Amino acid sequence: MSRIVDRRLNGKNKSAVNRQKFIRRFRKQIKKAVTDAASQRSITDFDKGESVSIPNRDISEPFFHHGKGGKREQIYPGNKEFQTGDKIPRPQENTGKGQGKEASNEGEGVDDFIFELTREEFLQFFFEDLELPNLIKTKLTTITETKKVRAGHTSDGIPTNINVIRSLTGAMGRRMALRAPYRNRLKEAVDELNELLKQYEKTDQVIIDLQDEILRLENKIKNIPYIDTFDLRYNNFTDRPTPTTQAVMFCIMDVSGSMGQAEKDMAKRFFMLLYMFLTRNYEKIQVVFISHHTVANEVDEETFFYSRETGGTVVSSALKLVTEIIQDRFPTNDWNIYIAQASDGDNWQNDSTTCKHLLNEKIMPYVQYYAYIEITEDRHQNLWQEYLTLKNQWDNFDMQRIEHLNDIYPVFRKLFQKREHGN
């Protein structure tokens, strides 16, 4: 059986194959390092790599050696200090083994192995067990979308689509076919010339005529072009209709006066994390940013994250705007709809009831998943109490609470952890 080892080097003389083998081998340690880093670094620093420390004991190779205890006899040549029967104290464990805690003039050791994760590798580990729930629950969309697929070869095309192997194969076949009759006649003429030279002189006309014919045949063979435009073959591509699954994520953030700067900052960080997750994992996803106080507005990313607007709180204004946008631009038959809402939960009492009715009647029956995040250190607000009834009624509704910055990542994982198929 043939075994092929890819030893090609990528950037900075690092073997990509060996790197992937190392990552697979120490996956557990790397995953733990990524998780620890996620709880410590800022959300805005998530697009950077990470240094992973692998303890020396984890990368050491197994070997046979004498275990502790037991009785054995050893002879040390050149010994001048000890006699038979002398007892030698056992060395203390880990004495001066380079642990990096304090200085020592004894022993030696090996530092822990430091492994640098790239940005892509860090994000892959960070998001590997997260997904949008029920992404393919609705039907595949029927909008027209085509994909270029291979469809054999053609004799016409553009230079970038030339199939070199197919063109050279055709040229070789053409040369063999055109040369065959000339080669056969050339062989016969050479054999005939050798026989006539036994009977005639080289200056005789019959010899001269036969030599001229041989030269003409050789020129015929030589003048057959190595490759001709007739030989060129191009890769042919055709458009094939392909079904695709579409999704849209609505990000709703409360920017009212009851949301302090700390609460707004935590909400922005949560949505930054969510936005990075969506754009990394799903190509066919659109993101709609909606900020609200007493009035809701659809805004761009810059305004959503850095606007300084403030005011009272009417959460239903955002939900009404969501229903309008869905009706205008995202038909529920063609789109998987996801909504994430962040607020401190402080809302007009009557408006919280309105929010519950809007969700029950106009939103929840048509969305794949709705995630509500309450950002507050105090007791739950009235909006949370109204939403609790929705959580009991709808399987595609979930809600979590964020009190501190360190809660953002655990809450995010709870809301978007992978579900088993069928849930």
Protein backbone atom coordinates (compact mmCIF):
# COMPACT_ATOMS: atom_id res chain seq x y z
CA MET A 1 0.00 0.00 0.00
CA SER A 2 1.34 3.42 -0.94
CA ARG A 3 1.67 6.02 1.81
CA ILE A 4 1.96 9.68 0.88
CA VAL A 5 3.33 12.16 3.41
CA ASP A 6 2.77 15.82 2.62
CA ARG A 7 5.89 17.67 3.75
CA ARG A 8 5.25 20.90 1.94
CA LEU A 9 5.99 23.94 4.09
CA ASN A 10 3.69 26.87 4.56
CA GLY A 11 4.53 30.31 5.93
CA LYS A 12 7.74 30.71 7.95
CA ASN A 13 8.81 27.10 7.30
CA LYS A 14 6.00 25.61 9.37
CA SER A 15 4.50 22.34 8.24
CA ALA A 16 0.71 22.69 7.99
CA VAL A 17 0.24 18.91 8.27
CA ASN A 18 2.29 18.61 11.46
CA ARG A 19 0.55 21.66 12.91
CA GLN A 20 -2.86 20.09 12.44
CA LYS A 21 -1.65 16.82 13.97
CA PHE A 22 -0.37 18.74 16.99
CA ILE A 23 -3.69 20.59 17.37
CA ARG A 24 -5.62 17.31 17.23
CA ARG A 25 -3.33 15.68 19.78
CA PHE A 26 -3.55 18.49 22.33
CA ARG A 27 -7.12 19.53 21.56
CA LYS A 28 -8.20 19.33 25.19
CA GLN A 29 -5.46 21.65 26.46
CA ILE A 30 -5.98 24.11 23.59
CA LYS A 31 -9.75 24.17 24.10
CA LYS A 32 -9.28 24.94 27.81
CA ALA A 33 -6.81 27.73 27.01
CA VAL A 34 -9.25 29.28 24.52
CA THR A 35 -12.09 29.10 27.06
CA ASP A 36 -9.95 30.73 29.75
CA ALA A 37 -8.84 33.47 27.36
CA ALA A 38 -12.44 34.16 26.34
CA SER A 39 -13.41 34.91 29.92
CA GLN A 40 -10.53 37.36 30.39
CA ARG A 41 -10.10 39.31 27.16
CA SER A 42 -12.28 42.03 25.75
CA ILE A 43 -14.91 41.13 23.16
CA THR A 44 -13.25 43.56 20.77
CA ASP A 45 -10.03 41.52 21.00
CA PHE A 46 -11.63 38.31 19.82
CA ASP A 47 -10.11 38.65 16.35
CA LYS A 48 -6.63 37.98 17.73
CA GLY A 49 -4.77 34.74 18.28
CA GLU A 50 -3.71 33.24 21.59
CA SER A 51 -0.60 31.74 23.21
CA VAL A 52 -1.32 28.27 24.56
CA SER A 53 1.00 26.81 27.19
CA ILE A 54 1.30 23.02 27.00
CA PRO A 55 2.84 21.56 30.21
CA ASN A 56 6.03 19.62 29.63
CA ARG A 57 4.49 16.49 31.17
CA ASP A 58 1.84 16.48 28.43
CA ILE A 59 4.26 16.60 25.50
CA SER A 60 6.90 14.22 26.90
CA GLU A 61 7.27 10.91 25.11
CA PRO A 62 6.76 7.67 27.10
CA PHE A 63 9.89 5.68 27.99
CA PHE A 64 10.91 2.78 30.22
CA HIS A 65 12.76 3.55 33.46
CA HIS A 66 13.20 2.27 37.00
CA GLY A 67 10.27 3.01 39.22
CA LYS A 68 10.40 4.21 42.81
CA GLY A 69 11.42 1.75 45.52
CA GLY A 70 12.66 -1.77 44.97
CA LYS A 71 16.06 -3.30 45.70
CA ARG A 72 18.84 -3.35 43.17
CA GLU A 73 22.64 -3.53 43.04
CA GLN A 74 24.74 -1.13 41.01
CA ILE A 75 28.47 -0.80 40.43
CA TYR A 76 29.90 2.65 39.82
CA PRO A 77 33.41 2.52 38.33
CA GLY A 78 36.03 4.78 39.85
CA ASN A 79 34.19 5.15 43.17
CA LYS A 80 36.47 6.48 45.91
CA GLU A 81 33.91 7.81 48.43
CA PHE A 82 31.68 4.88 49.34
CA GLN A 83 32.16 1.33 50.48
CA THR A 84 29.91 -1.71 50.18
CA GLY A 85 27.01 -1.40 52.60
CA ASP A 86 26.97 2.42 52.72
CA LYS A 87 23.49 3.96 52.47
CA ILE A 88 23.04 6.85 50.03
CA PRO A 89 20.15 9.27 50.68
CA ARG A 90 17.54 9.42 47.92
CA PRO A 91 17.46 12.79 46.09
CA GLN A 92 14.44 14.95 46.84
CA GLU A 93 11.71 15.12 44.18
CA ASN A 94 11.68 18.09 41.78
CA THR A 95 14.76 19.69 43.30
CA GLY A 96 15.86 22.52 41.06
CA LYS A 97 13.95 21.24 38.05
CA GLY A 98 13.49 24.55 36.39
CA GLN A 99 9.96 25.19 37.65
CA GLY A 100 10.38 28.93 37.33
CA LYS A 101 9.33 29.62 40.94
CA GLU A 102 12.68 30.56 42.51
CA ALA A 103 16.37 30.44 41.70
CA SER A 104 18.33 27.22 42.13
CA ASN A 105 21.92 26.18 41.48
CA GLU A 106 21.03 22.52 41.18
CA GLY A 107 19.32 20.36 38.61
CA GLU A 108 17.98 21.18 35.20
CA GLY A 109 14.57 21.15 33.51
CA VAL A 110 12.49 22.01 30.49
CA ASP A 111 10.15 25.00 30.16
CA ASP A 112 6.52 24.49 29.22
CA PHE A 113 5.86 24.45 25.48
CA ILE A 114 4.24 27.65 24.17
CA PHE A 115 2.02 27.20 21.11
CA GLU A 116 0.73 30.20 19.15
CA LEU A 117 -2.83 29.90 17.83
CA THR A 118 -3.65 31.98 14.78
CA ARG A 119 -6.76 34.16 14.64
CA GLU A 120 -8.62 31.60 12.53
CA GLU A 121 -7.64 28.71 14.81
CA PHE A 122 -8.68 30.64 17.91
CA LEU A 123 -12.10 31.50 16.47
CA GLN A 124 -12.57 27.93 15.25
CA PHE A 125 -12.13 26.57 18.78
CA PHE A 126 -14.17 29.39 20.25
CA PHE A 127 -17.22 28.85 18.04
CA GLU A 128 -16.95 25.12 17.27
CA ASP A 129 -19.78 23.98 19.57
CA LEU A 130 -22.12 26.90 18.85
CA GLU A 131 -24.78 27.26 16.18
CA LEU A 132 -28.04 28.97 15.31
CA PRO A 133 -30.79 26.65 16.55
CA ASN A 134 -33.17 25.14 13.97
CA LEU A 135 -31.32 26.67 11.04
CA ILE A 136 -32.87 24.28 8.50
CA LYS A 137 -36.29 23.91 10.03
CA THR A 138 -38.18 25.78 7.34
CA LYS A 139 -38.32 24.80 3.68
CA LEU A 140 -35.46 25.46 1.35
CA THR A 141 -35.91 28.73 -0.41
CA THR A 142 -37.20 28.81 -3.95
CA ILE A 143 -35.53 32.03 -4.99
CA THR A 144 -33.42 31.77 -8.13
CA GLU A 145 -29.80 31.08 -7.32
CA THR A 146 -27.31 29.42 -9.63
CA LYS A 147 -23.99 27.75 -9.11
CA LYS A 148 -21.25 27.22 -11.68
CA VAL A 149 -20.59 23.50 -12.16
CA ARG A 150 -18.26 21.58 -14.47
CA ALA A 151 -19.90 20.37 -17.69
CA GLY A 152 -17.19 18.61 -19.67
CA HIS A 153 -15.02 20.38 -22.26
CA THR A 154 -15.55 22.64 -25.24
CA SER A 155 -13.44 23.73 -28.20
CA ASP A 156 -14.17 27.43 -27.53
CA GLY A 157 -13.44 29.43 -24.42
CA ILE A 158 -11.24 31.97 -22.70
CA PRO A 159 -7.52 31.37 -22.03
CA THR A 160 -7.96 31.07 -18.26
CA ASN A 161 -10.21 28.03 -18.76
CA ILE A 162 -7.78 26.06 -20.94
CA ASN A 163 -7.49 22.43 -19.86
CA VAL A 164 -3.79 21.80 -20.46
CA ILE A 165 -3.85 18.03 -20.03
CA ARG A 166 -6.85 17.52 -22.30
CA SER A 167 -5.34 19.84 -24.93
CA LEU A 168 -1.95 18.08 -24.93
CA THR A 169 -3.58 14.66 -25.05
CA GLY A 170 -5.57 15.69 -28.12
CA ALA A 171 -2.46 17.16 -29.74
CA MET A 172 -0.54 13.94 -29.18
CA GLY A 173 -3.31 11.87 -30.74
CA ARG A 174 -3.46 14.18 -33.76
CA ARG A 175 0.31 13.99 -34.29
CA MET A 176 0.29 10.21 -34.07
CA ALA A 177 -2.57 9.95 -36.57
CA LEU A 178 -1.01 12.37 -39.09
CA ARG A 179 2.48 10.89 -38.84
CA ALA A 180 1.44 7.26 -39.17
CA PRO A 181 1.19 7.04 -43.03
CA TYR A 182 4.42 9.02 -43.52
CA ARG A 183 6.29 6.90 -40.96
CA ASN A 184 5.18 3.66 -42.64
CA ARG A 185 6.24 4.89 -46.08
CA LEU A 186 9.50 6.26 -44.62
CA LYS A 187 10.35 2.88 -43.13
CA GLU A 188 9.65 1.16 -46.46
CA ALA A 189 11.78 3.72 -48.34
CA VAL A 190 14.73 3.31 -45.97
CA ASP A 191 14.60 -0.49 -46.31
CA GLU A 192 14.36 -0.17 -50.09
CA LEU A 193 17.33 2.24 -50.16
CA ASN A 194 19.49 -0.17 -48.20
CA GLU A 195 18.74 -2.94 -50.70
CA LEU A 196 19.38 -0.75 -53.78
CA LEU A 197 22.72 0.44 -52.42
CA LYS A 198 23.91 -3.13 -52.75
CA GLN A 199 23.25 -3.01 -56.54
CA TYR A 200 23.73 0.68 -57.55
CA GLU A 201 26.14 3.49 -56.89
CA LYS A 202 25.13 6.51 -54.77
CA THR A 203 25.28 8.71 -57.88
CA ASP A 204 22.75 6.64 -59.81
CA GLN A 205 19.43 8.36 -60.49
CA VAL A 206 17.33 5.68 -58.77
CA ILE A 207 19.28 6.19 -55.53
CA ILE A 208 19.03 9.98 -55.76
CA ASP A 209 15.26 9.83 -56.35
CA LEU A 210 14.75 7.54 -53.37
CA GLN A 211 16.85 9.77 -51.12
CA ASP A 212 14.82 12.80 -52.20
CA GLU A 213 11.62 10.93 -51.26
CA ILE A 214 13.03 10.03 -47.85
CA LEU A 215 13.96 13.68 -47.24
CA ARG A 216 10.48 14.78 -48.31
CA LEU A 217 8.84 12.28 -45.90
CA GLU A 218 11.06 13.42 -43.00
CA ASN A 219 10.14 17.05 -43.67
CA LYS A 220 6.45 16.12 -43.76
CA ILE A 221 6.73 14.52 -40.32
CA LYS A 222 8.79 17.41 -38.96
CA ASN A 223 6.36 20.06 -40.21
CA ILE A 224 3.37 18.60 -38.35
CA PRO A 225 2.77 21.23 -35.59
CA TYR A 226 3.27 20.17 -31.97
CA ILE A 227 -0.05 21.77 -30.99
CA ASP A 228 -2.72 23.40 -33.11
CA THR A 229 -5.71 25.57 -32.32
CA PHE A 230 -7.79 22.55 -33.28
CA ASP A 231 -6.33 20.71 -30.25
CA LEU A 232 -7.27 23.30 -27.64
CA ARG A 233 -9.91 22.24 -25.14
CA TYR A 234 -11.47 24.47 -22.49
CA ASN A 235 -13.20 23.61 -19.24
CA ASN A 236 -16.89 24.14 -19.72
CA PHE A 237 -19.08 25.47 -16.93
CA THR A 238 -22.83 25.72 -16.80
CA ASP A 239 -25.26 27.37 -14.39
CA ARG A 240 -27.14 24.89 -12.22
CA PRO A 241 -30.03 26.05 -10.02
CA THR A 242 -29.28 25.23 -6.39
CA PRO A 243 -31.61 25.55 -3.37
CA THR A 244 -30.25 27.55 -0.47
CA THR A 245 -31.21 28.20 3.13
CA GLN A 246 -31.46 31.85 4.12
CA ALA A 247 -31.54 33.39 7.56
CA VAL A 248 -31.87 36.87 9.00
CA MET A 249 -30.86 37.92 12.51
CA PHE A 250 -32.55 40.90 14.18
CA CYS A 251 -30.41 42.53 16.89
CA ILE A 252 -32.57 44.68 19.17
CA MET A 253 -30.88 46.87 21.79
CA ASP A 254 -32.41 49.14 24.42
CA VAL A 255 -30.65 52.53 24.43
CA SER A 256 -33.08 54.28 26.76
CA GLY A 257 -32.14 56.39 29.78
CA SER A 258 -32.67 53.48 32.19
CA MET A 259 -29.80 51.68 30.47
CA GLY A 260 -26.65 53.05 32.06
CA GLN A 261 -23.36 53.22 30.23
CA ALA A 262 -22.22 49.96 31.81
CA GLU A 263 -25.39 48.16 30.69
CA LYS A 264 -25.10 49.58 27.18
CA ASP A 265 -21.48 48.52 27.04
CA MET A 266 -22.36 44.93 28.02
CA ALA A 267 -25.15 44.85 25.43
CA LYS A 268 -22.81 46.15 22.75
CA ARG A 269 -20.21 43.55 23.67
CA PHE A 270 -22.78 40.77 23.49
CA PHE A 271 -23.91 41.86 20.02
CA MET A 272 -20.32 42.25 18.85
CA LEU A 273 -19.75 38.64 19.83
CA LEU A 274 -22.98 37.57 18.17
CA TYR A 275 -22.21 39.49 14.99
CA MET A 276 -18.76 37.92 14.73
CA PHE A 277 -20.28 34.48 15.28
CA LEU A 278 -22.87 34.96 12.55
CA THR A 279 -20.58 36.41 9.91
CA ARG A 280 -18.00 33.69 10.51
CA ASN A 281 -20.28 30.66 10.42
CA TYR A 282 -23.04 31.51 7.99
CA GLU A 283 -22.67 33.07 4.55
CA LYS A 284 -26.39 33.34 3.81
CA ILE A 285 -27.31 35.52 6.77
CA GLN A 286 -28.41 39.10 6.87
CA VAL A 287 -28.18 41.13 10.08
CA VAL A 288 -30.67 43.89 10.92
CA PHE A 289 -29.72 46.29 13.74
CA ILE A 290 -32.56 47.96 15.66
CA SER A 291 -32.04 50.39 18.56
CA HIS A 292 -34.92 51.82 20.57
CA HIS A 293 -35.96 54.02 23.44
CA THR A 294 -39.47 55.41 23.06
CA VAL A 295 -39.02 55.13 19.27
CA ALA A 296 -37.34 52.33 17.38
CA ASN A 297 -35.10 52.79 14.35
CA GLU A 298 -33.27 50.50 11.99
CA VAL A 299 -29.65 51.63 12.02
CA ASP A 300 -26.31 50.62 10.59
CA GLU A 301 -23.61 48.82 12.55
CA GLU A 302 -21.71 51.97 13.47
CA THR A 303 -24.78 53.73 14.85
CA PHE A 304 -25.95 50.59 16.63
CA PHE A 305 -22.74 50.17 18.59
CA TYR A 306 -21.70 53.76 19.18
CA SER A 307 -24.84 55.95 19.20
CA ARG A 308 -25.39 58.23 22.22
CA GLU A 309 -29.16 58.45 21.96
CA THR A 310 -31.26 58.23 25.11
CA GLY A 311 -34.85 58.63 26.26
CA GLY A 312 -37.73 56.70 27.82
CA THR A 313 -38.49 53.03 27.23
CA VAL A 314 -41.20 51.60 24.97
CA VAL A 315 -40.04 48.12 23.98
CA SER A 316 -43.09 47.43 21.82
CA SER A 317 -41.89 50.08 19.33
CA ALA A 318 -38.97 47.79 18.43
CA LEU A 319 -41.19 44.71 18.12
CA LYS A 320 -43.62 46.57 15.85
CA LEU A 321 -40.73 47.67 13.65
CA VAL A 322 -39.52 44.06 13.46
CA THR A 323 -42.92 42.85 12.25
CA GLU A 324 -43.01 45.58 9.60
CA ILE A 325 -39.53 44.73 8.31
CA ILE A 326 -40.37 41.02 8.18
CA GLN A 327 -43.53 41.69 6.18
CA ASP A 328 -41.75 44.02 3.76
CA ARG A 329 -38.43 42.24 3.18
CA PHE A 330 -38.30 38.78 4.71
CA PRO A 331 -41.25 36.52 3.79
CA THR A 332 -41.50 33.81 6.40
CA ASN A 333 -41.85 31.12 3.71
CA ASP A 334 -38.39 31.94 2.39
CA TRP A 335 -36.43 33.10 5.42
CA ASN A 336 -35.33 31.60 8.74
CA ILE A 337 -35.77 34.43 11.21
CA TYR A 338 -33.78 34.86 14.43
CA ILE A 339 -34.12 37.65 16.97
CA ALA A 340 -31.84 38.63 19.87
CA GLN A 341 -32.99 41.36 22.25
CA ALA A 342 -30.94 43.06 24.98
CA SER A 343 -32.51 45.32 27.61
CA ASP A 344 -32.46 46.08 31.32
CA GLY A 345 -36.12 45.01 31.41
CA ASP A 346 -37.33 48.36 32.74
CA ASN A 347 -40.40 49.11 30.63
CA TRP A 348 -43.78 50.79 31.00
CA GLN A 349 -46.02 48.27 32.77
CA ASN A 350 -48.77 48.34 30.15
CA ASP A 351 -46.25 48.17 27.34
CA SER A 352 -44.77 44.90 28.66
CA THR A 353 -48.17 43.29 28.21
CA THR A 354 -48.31 44.69 24.68
CA CYS A 355 -44.90 43.15 24.00
CA LYS A 356 -46.14 39.75 25.11
CA HIS A 357 -49.15 39.94 22.79
CA LEU A 358 -47.01 41.07 19.85
CA LEU A 359 -44.64 38.19 20.37
CA ASN A 360 -47.39 35.64 20.82
CA GLU A 361 -49.43 36.66 17.81
CA LYS A 362 -47.10 38.22 15.22
CA ILE A 363 -43.55 37.11 15.91
CA MET A 364 -43.07 33.76 17.69
CA PRO A 365 -45.13 31.67 15.20
CA TYR A 366 -42.80 32.79 12.39
CA VAL A 367 -39.32 32.82 13.93
CA GLN A 368 -36.83 30.03 14.40
CA TYR A 369 -35.40 31.36 17.63
CA TYR A 370 -35.86 34.34 19.94
CA ALA A 371 -33.24 35.12 22.61
CA TYR A 372 -33.86 37.74 25.29
CA ILE A 373 -30.97 39.04 27.42
CA GLU A 374 -31.75 41.07 30.54
CA ILE A 375 -28.83 43.22 31.71
CA THR A 376 -29.28 44.18 35.35
CA GLU A 377 -27.76 43.55 38.77
CA ASP A 378 -31.06 44.16 40.59
CA ARG A 379 -34.15 42.00 40.72
CA HIS A 380 -35.90 41.06 37.51
CA GLN A 381 -37.99 43.79 35.91
CA ASN A 382 -41.58 43.61 34.65
CA LEU A 383 -40.54 42.71 31.10
CA TRP A 384 -38.83 39.57 32.43
CA GLN A 385 -41.99 38.50 34.22
CA GLU A 386 -44.08 38.84 31.05
CA TYR A 387 -41.49 37.00 29.00
CA LEU A 388 -41.47 34.09 31.45
CA THR A 389 -44.90 33.07 30.20
CA LEU A 390 -43.55 33.07 26.64
CA LYS A 391 -40.70 30.77 27.64
CA ASN A 392 -43.20 28.25 28.93
CA GLN A 393 -45.34 28.50 25.78
CA TRP A 394 -42.71 28.49 23.05
CA ASP A 395 -39.84 26.04 22.67
CA ASN A 396 -38.02 28.46 20.37
CA PHE A 397 -37.89 31.20 23.03
CA ASP A 398 -35.07 31.48 25.57
CA MET A 399 -33.95 34.12 28.03
CA GLN A 400 -30.87 34.72 30.17
CA ARG A 401 -29.56 37.35 32.54
CA ILE A 402 -26.24 39.22 32.43
CA GLU A 403 -25.06 40.91 35.61
CA HIS A 404 -21.35 41.44 34.95
CA LEU A 405 -18.95 41.48 32.01
CA ASN A 406 -17.79 37.98 32.89
CA ASP A 407 -21.34 36.70 32.30
CA ILE A 408 -21.39 37.62 28.61
CA TYR A 409 -19.58 34.59 27.27
CA PRO A 410 -21.32 31.93 29.47
CA VAL A 411 -24.71 33.42 28.61
CA PHE A 412 -23.87 33.51 24.95
CA ARG A 413 -22.96 29.82 25.03
CA LYS A 414 -26.16 28.89 26.82
CA LEU A 415 -28.27 30.70 24.24
CA PHE A 416 -26.48 29.35 21.17
CA GLN A 417 -25.15 25.97 22.23
CA LYS A 418 -25.67 23.18 19.73
CA ARG A 419 -28.99 21.40 19.97
CA GLU A 420 -29.52 17.79 19.02
CA HIS A 421 -31.15 17.23 15.65
CA GLY A 422 -34.88 17.44 15.78
CA ASN A 423 -35.00 19.89 18.70
